[in-house]
N, C-alpha and C. Protein backbone atom coordinates (compact mmCIF):
# COMPACT_ATOMS: atom_id res chain seq x y z
N MET A 1 -7.78 14.09 8.06
CA MET A 1 -8.28 13.14 7.10
C MET A 1 -8.85 11.95 7.87
N GLY A 2 -10.09 11.60 7.63
CA GLY A 2 -10.74 10.50 8.34
C GLY A 2 -10.37 9.15 7.77
N SER A 3 -10.62 8.10 8.57
CA SER A 3 -10.24 6.76 8.14
C SER A 3 -11.05 6.29 6.94
N GLN A 4 -12.31 6.71 6.82
CA GLN A 4 -13.12 6.32 5.67
C GLN A 4 -12.54 6.90 4.40
N SER A 5 -12.10 8.15 4.46
CA SER A 5 -11.50 8.80 3.30
C SER A 5 -10.22 8.08 2.88
N VAL A 6 -9.40 7.71 3.85
CA VAL A 6 -8.15 7.00 3.56
C VAL A 6 -8.45 5.65 2.93
N LEU A 7 -9.43 4.94 3.47
CA LEU A 7 -9.80 3.64 2.93
C LEU A 7 -10.29 3.77 1.49
N THR A 8 -11.09 4.79 1.22
CA THR A 8 -11.59 5.02 -0.13
C THR A 8 -10.44 5.31 -1.08
N GLN A 9 -9.52 6.17 -0.66
CA GLN A 9 -8.38 6.51 -1.51
C GLN A 9 -7.53 5.27 -1.78
N TRP A 10 -7.33 4.45 -0.77
CA TRP A 10 -6.53 3.24 -0.95
C TRP A 10 -7.21 2.29 -1.91
N ALA A 11 -8.51 2.08 -1.73
CA ALA A 11 -9.26 1.15 -2.59
C ALA A 11 -9.24 1.62 -4.04
N LEU A 12 -9.45 2.91 -4.26
CA LEU A 12 -9.43 3.42 -5.63
C LEU A 12 -8.04 3.29 -6.24
N GLY A 13 -7.02 3.49 -5.44
CA GLY A 13 -5.66 3.33 -5.94
C GLY A 13 -5.37 1.89 -6.35
N MET A 14 -5.92 0.94 -5.61
CA MET A 14 -5.70 -0.46 -5.92
C MET A 14 -6.36 -0.85 -7.24
N ILE A 15 -7.49 -0.24 -7.56
CA ILE A 15 -8.20 -0.54 -8.80
C ILE A 15 -7.32 -0.24 -10.00
N LEU A 16 -6.52 0.82 -9.90
CA LEU A 16 -5.70 1.23 -11.03
C LEU A 16 -4.72 0.15 -11.47
N HIS A 17 -4.28 -0.67 -10.53
CA HIS A 17 -3.25 -1.66 -10.85
C HIS A 17 -3.75 -3.10 -10.87
N LEU A 18 -5.00 -3.31 -10.52
CA LEU A 18 -5.52 -4.67 -10.42
C LEU A 18 -5.45 -5.42 -11.74
N HIS A 19 -5.79 -4.76 -12.83
CA HIS A 19 -5.77 -5.42 -14.14
C HIS A 19 -4.36 -5.91 -14.48
N ASN A 20 -3.35 -5.07 -14.25
CA ASN A 20 -1.97 -5.47 -14.54
C ASN A 20 -1.52 -6.62 -13.65
N ILE A 21 -1.92 -6.60 -12.40
CA ILE A 21 -1.56 -7.68 -11.48
C ILE A 21 -2.16 -8.99 -11.97
N CYS A 22 -3.42 -8.97 -12.37
CA CYS A 22 -4.07 -10.19 -12.87
C CYS A 22 -3.37 -10.72 -14.11
N GLU A 23 -2.98 -9.83 -15.01
CA GLU A 23 -2.27 -10.25 -16.22
C GLU A 23 -0.94 -10.92 -15.87
N GLU A 24 -0.21 -10.35 -14.92
CA GLU A 24 1.08 -10.92 -14.54
C GLU A 24 0.91 -12.28 -13.86
N VAL A 25 -0.13 -12.45 -13.06
CA VAL A 25 -0.40 -13.75 -12.44
C VAL A 25 -0.72 -14.78 -13.51
N GLU A 26 -1.51 -14.37 -14.51
CA GLU A 26 -1.83 -15.28 -15.62
C GLU A 26 -0.57 -15.69 -16.36
N LYS A 27 0.32 -14.73 -16.63
CA LYS A 27 1.58 -15.05 -17.31
C LYS A 27 2.40 -16.03 -16.47
N TYR A 28 2.51 -15.75 -15.17
CA TYR A 28 3.30 -16.60 -14.29
C TYR A 28 2.76 -18.02 -14.25
N CYS A 29 1.44 -18.15 -14.20
CA CYS A 29 0.80 -19.47 -14.13
C CYS A 29 0.62 -20.11 -15.50
N ASN A 30 0.98 -19.37 -16.54
CA ASN A 30 0.86 -19.84 -17.92
C ASN A 30 -0.60 -20.18 -18.26
N ILE A 31 -1.51 -19.30 -17.83
CA ILE A 31 -2.92 -19.45 -18.18
C ILE A 31 -3.42 -18.11 -18.70
N THR A 32 -4.50 -18.14 -19.44
CA THR A 32 -5.10 -16.90 -19.91
C THR A 32 -6.60 -16.97 -19.74
N SER A 33 -7.20 -15.82 -19.51
CA SER A 33 -8.65 -15.74 -19.42
C SER A 33 -9.22 -15.65 -20.82
N VAL A 34 -10.33 -16.30 -21.02
CA VAL A 34 -11.00 -16.21 -22.31
C VAL A 34 -12.40 -15.67 -22.08
N THR A 35 -12.92 -14.98 -23.07
CA THR A 35 -14.26 -14.42 -22.92
C THR A 35 -15.30 -15.50 -23.17
N SER A 36 -16.39 -15.39 -22.46
CA SER A 36 -17.52 -16.28 -22.66
C SER A 36 -18.76 -15.54 -22.21
N GLU A 37 -19.89 -16.04 -22.60
CA GLU A 37 -21.14 -15.39 -22.23
C GLU A 37 -21.37 -15.42 -20.73
N GLN A 38 -20.83 -16.41 -20.06
CA GLN A 38 -21.08 -16.49 -18.62
C GLN A 38 -20.20 -15.52 -17.83
N HIS A 39 -19.17 -14.95 -18.46
CA HIS A 39 -18.29 -14.01 -17.78
C HIS A 39 -18.45 -12.63 -18.41
N VAL A 40 -19.44 -11.90 -17.94
CA VAL A 40 -19.77 -10.59 -18.50
C VAL A 40 -18.58 -9.64 -18.38
N ASP A 41 -17.83 -9.74 -17.30
CA ASP A 41 -16.71 -8.83 -17.08
C ASP A 41 -15.58 -9.04 -18.08
N MET A 42 -15.56 -10.13 -18.81
CA MET A 42 -14.49 -10.40 -19.77
C MET A 42 -14.87 -10.01 -21.19
N ARG A 43 -16.05 -9.49 -21.42
CA ARG A 43 -16.44 -9.07 -22.77
C ARG A 43 -15.62 -7.87 -23.18
N SER A 44 -15.36 -7.76 -24.47
CA SER A 44 -14.52 -6.66 -24.96
C SER A 44 -15.12 -5.30 -24.66
N SER A 45 -16.45 -5.19 -24.71
CA SER A 45 -17.09 -3.91 -24.39
C SER A 45 -16.86 -3.52 -22.93
N ARG A 46 -16.92 -4.50 -22.05
CA ARG A 46 -16.70 -4.22 -20.62
C ARG A 46 -15.24 -3.88 -20.36
N ILE A 47 -14.33 -4.60 -21.01
CA ILE A 47 -12.91 -4.31 -20.86
C ILE A 47 -12.59 -2.91 -21.36
N ALA A 48 -13.17 -2.52 -22.50
CA ALA A 48 -12.96 -1.18 -23.04
C ALA A 48 -13.49 -0.13 -22.07
N ARG A 49 -14.67 -0.37 -21.52
CA ARG A 49 -15.25 0.57 -20.55
C ARG A 49 -14.39 0.67 -19.30
N ASP A 50 -13.91 -0.48 -18.81
CA ASP A 50 -13.04 -0.47 -17.64
C ASP A 50 -11.75 0.30 -17.91
N ASN A 51 -11.18 0.10 -19.10
CA ASN A 51 -9.96 0.82 -19.45
C ASN A 51 -10.21 2.33 -19.51
N GLU A 52 -11.36 2.73 -20.03
CA GLU A 52 -11.71 4.16 -20.05
C GLU A 52 -11.85 4.68 -18.62
N ASP A 53 -12.49 3.89 -17.76
CA ASP A 53 -12.67 4.30 -16.37
C ASP A 53 -11.32 4.43 -15.65
N VAL A 54 -10.41 3.50 -15.93
CA VAL A 54 -9.07 3.59 -15.33
C VAL A 54 -8.38 4.86 -15.79
N GLY A 55 -8.51 5.19 -17.07
CA GLY A 55 -7.93 6.43 -17.59
C GLY A 55 -8.49 7.65 -16.88
N LYS A 56 -9.81 7.65 -16.65
CA LYS A 56 -10.44 8.77 -15.95
C LYS A 56 -9.93 8.87 -14.51
N LEU A 57 -9.81 7.71 -13.85
CA LEU A 57 -9.30 7.72 -12.48
C LEU A 57 -7.86 8.22 -12.42
N MET A 58 -7.04 7.76 -13.37
CA MET A 58 -5.65 8.20 -13.40
C MET A 58 -5.56 9.71 -13.62
N GLN A 59 -6.39 10.23 -14.50
CA GLN A 59 -6.40 11.66 -14.75
C GLN A 59 -6.85 12.41 -13.49
N TRP A 60 -7.88 11.91 -12.83
CA TRP A 60 -8.37 12.56 -11.62
C TRP A 60 -7.30 12.57 -10.54
N PHE A 61 -6.64 11.40 -10.34
CA PHE A 61 -5.60 11.33 -9.31
C PHE A 61 -4.39 12.18 -9.66
N SER A 62 -4.10 12.38 -10.94
CA SER A 62 -2.98 13.25 -11.30
C SER A 62 -3.28 14.70 -10.96
N GLN A 63 -4.56 15.06 -10.91
CA GLN A 63 -4.95 16.43 -10.56
C GLN A 63 -5.30 16.58 -9.08
N HIS A 64 -5.63 15.49 -8.42
CA HIS A 64 -6.02 15.51 -7.00
C HIS A 64 -5.16 14.50 -6.26
N ILE A 65 -3.94 14.85 -5.99
CA ILE A 65 -2.98 13.92 -5.38
C ILE A 65 -3.44 13.58 -3.96
N PRO A 66 -3.75 12.30 -3.70
CA PRO A 66 -4.29 11.93 -2.39
C PRO A 66 -3.24 11.94 -1.27
N PHE A 67 -1.99 11.74 -1.62
CA PHE A 67 -0.93 11.69 -0.63
C PHE A 67 0.17 12.67 -1.03
N PRO A 68 0.01 13.94 -0.65
CA PRO A 68 1.00 14.94 -1.07
C PRO A 68 2.37 14.65 -0.48
N ILE A 69 3.40 15.00 -1.22
CA ILE A 69 4.77 14.82 -0.75
C ILE A 69 5.11 15.99 0.16
N ASN A 70 5.59 15.67 1.36
CA ASN A 70 6.01 16.73 2.28
C ASN A 70 7.20 16.24 3.08
N ASP A 71 7.75 17.11 3.89
CA ASP A 71 8.97 16.81 4.63
C ASP A 71 8.72 16.26 6.03
N VAL A 72 7.49 15.96 6.36
CA VAL A 72 7.20 15.47 7.71
C VAL A 72 6.67 14.05 7.64
N LEU A 73 6.85 13.34 8.74
CA LEU A 73 6.28 12.01 8.88
C LEU A 73 4.83 12.18 9.32
N MET A 74 3.91 11.57 8.57
CA MET A 74 2.49 11.79 8.83
C MET A 74 1.74 10.47 8.83
N SER A 75 0.81 10.33 9.76
CA SER A 75 -0.05 9.16 9.80
C SER A 75 -1.03 9.23 8.63
N VAL A 76 -1.08 8.18 7.83
CA VAL A 76 -1.99 8.14 6.69
C VAL A 76 -3.44 8.14 7.17
N SER A 77 -3.73 7.43 8.25
CA SER A 77 -5.11 7.31 8.71
C SER A 77 -5.64 8.54 9.41
N SER A 78 -4.78 9.28 10.12
CA SER A 78 -5.29 10.42 10.90
C SER A 78 -4.80 11.77 10.39
N GLY A 79 -3.70 11.79 9.65
CA GLY A 79 -3.13 13.06 9.20
C GLY A 79 -2.29 13.74 10.26
N VAL A 80 -2.11 13.09 11.42
CA VAL A 80 -1.31 13.66 12.50
C VAL A 80 0.16 13.61 12.11
N GLU A 81 0.84 14.75 12.29
CA GLU A 81 2.26 14.83 11.95
C GLU A 81 3.10 14.40 13.14
N GLY A 82 4.16 13.65 12.85
CA GLY A 82 5.06 13.20 13.89
C GLY A 82 6.06 14.27 14.26
N THR A 83 6.53 14.21 15.50
CA THR A 83 7.55 15.15 15.96
C THR A 83 8.93 14.58 15.68
N ALA A 84 9.96 15.32 16.04
CA ALA A 84 11.33 14.90 15.75
C ALA A 84 11.72 13.61 16.47
N ASP A 85 11.05 13.27 17.57
CA ASP A 85 11.42 12.05 18.30
C ASP A 85 10.75 10.79 17.77
N VAL A 86 9.89 10.90 16.78
CA VAL A 86 9.26 9.73 16.17
C VAL A 86 10.30 9.00 15.33
N ASN A 87 10.45 7.70 15.56
CA ASN A 87 11.47 6.95 14.83
C ASN A 87 10.94 5.63 14.26
N CYS A 88 9.64 5.54 14.02
CA CYS A 88 9.07 4.29 13.52
C CYS A 88 9.61 3.93 12.13
N HIS A 89 10.06 4.92 11.38
CA HIS A 89 10.64 4.65 10.07
C HIS A 89 12.00 3.97 10.18
N LEU A 90 12.55 3.91 11.39
CA LEU A 90 13.83 3.24 11.62
C LEU A 90 13.64 1.91 12.34
N SER A 91 12.44 1.35 12.29
CA SER A 91 12.12 0.17 13.08
C SER A 91 13.04 -1.01 12.79
N HIS A 92 13.38 -1.22 11.53
CA HIS A 92 14.25 -2.36 11.20
C HIS A 92 15.63 -2.18 11.83
N GLU A 93 16.22 -1.01 11.63
CA GLU A 93 17.55 -0.75 12.17
C GLU A 93 17.56 -0.82 13.69
N LEU A 94 16.55 -0.23 14.32
CA LEU A 94 16.47 -0.25 15.78
C LEU A 94 16.23 -1.67 16.30
N GLY A 95 15.45 -2.45 15.58
CA GLY A 95 15.22 -3.84 15.96
C GLY A 95 16.50 -4.65 15.91
N CYS A 96 17.29 -4.44 14.85
CA CYS A 96 18.58 -5.14 14.74
C CYS A 96 19.51 -4.76 15.88
N GLU A 97 19.54 -3.47 16.23
CA GLU A 97 20.37 -3.03 17.36
C GLU A 97 19.91 -3.69 18.65
N GLY A 98 18.60 -3.74 18.86
CA GLY A 98 18.06 -4.35 20.07
C GLY A 98 18.39 -5.83 20.17
N ILE A 99 18.26 -6.53 19.07
CA ILE A 99 18.59 -7.97 19.05
C ILE A 99 20.07 -8.17 19.35
N SER A 100 20.93 -7.32 18.79
CA SER A 100 22.38 -7.48 19.02
C SER A 100 22.72 -7.29 20.49
N ARG A 101 21.95 -6.47 21.23
CA ARG A 101 22.21 -6.30 22.67
C ARG A 101 21.74 -7.52 23.46
N ILE A 102 20.78 -8.28 22.92
CA ILE A 102 20.24 -9.43 23.63
C ILE A 102 21.06 -10.69 23.38
N VAL A 103 21.53 -10.87 22.14
CA VAL A 103 22.23 -12.09 21.76
C VAL A 103 23.48 -12.27 22.63
N GLY A 104 23.60 -13.46 23.18
CA GLY A 104 24.77 -13.80 24.00
C GLY A 104 24.63 -13.39 25.45
N GLY A 105 23.55 -12.72 25.80
CA GLY A 105 23.36 -12.27 27.18
C GLY A 105 22.45 -13.21 27.95
N ASN A 106 22.23 -12.89 29.19
CA ASN A 106 21.36 -13.64 30.07
C ASN A 106 19.94 -13.14 29.88
N PHE A 107 19.01 -14.04 29.57
CA PHE A 107 17.63 -13.64 29.31
C PHE A 107 17.01 -12.93 30.51
N GLY A 108 17.41 -13.29 31.69
CA GLY A 108 16.88 -12.66 32.90
C GLY A 108 17.27 -11.19 33.02
N ASN A 109 18.32 -10.79 32.31
CA ASN A 109 18.78 -9.40 32.37
C ASN A 109 18.24 -8.54 31.23
N VAL A 110 17.43 -9.13 30.36
CA VAL A 110 16.91 -8.38 29.21
C VAL A 110 15.87 -7.38 29.70
N LYS A 111 16.04 -6.13 29.28
CA LYS A 111 15.08 -5.08 29.62
C LYS A 111 14.78 -4.30 28.35
N PHE A 112 13.52 -4.02 28.15
CA PHE A 112 13.10 -3.22 27.01
C PHE A 112 12.68 -1.85 27.50
N LYS A 113 13.20 -0.83 26.87
CA LYS A 113 12.86 0.55 27.23
C LYS A 113 12.25 1.23 26.02
N ARG A 114 11.31 2.10 26.28
CA ARG A 114 10.64 2.82 25.20
C ARG A 114 11.64 3.63 24.38
N LYS A 115 12.62 4.22 25.02
CA LYS A 115 13.59 5.06 24.31
C LYS A 115 14.48 4.24 23.38
N ASP A 116 14.60 2.94 23.62
CA ASP A 116 15.42 2.08 22.75
C ASP A 116 14.60 1.66 21.56
């Protein structure tokens, strides 16, 4: 899977939720958008068309799953599958372990190893 394809899939996925995100920001800020002639995107006809388009996209993505569920760790950008020694999904835990080995020690003795 090429990077352009991944970028396209990500961008289209973001469109599906953008409207809801904007509504929640408006609620949080206690403001609302109002329609006016100067804001073509806020007209009811445009909103209806956008909602139809979102429905079409959701239907398409339900039939063409861009990120299939599988049992392997896979790079989203390249599609390369990780081997058993890949541990990037444990970065937080490994980072905490590394910090605990450093705290209280002499900075001059700190060594970082790829295997850690």
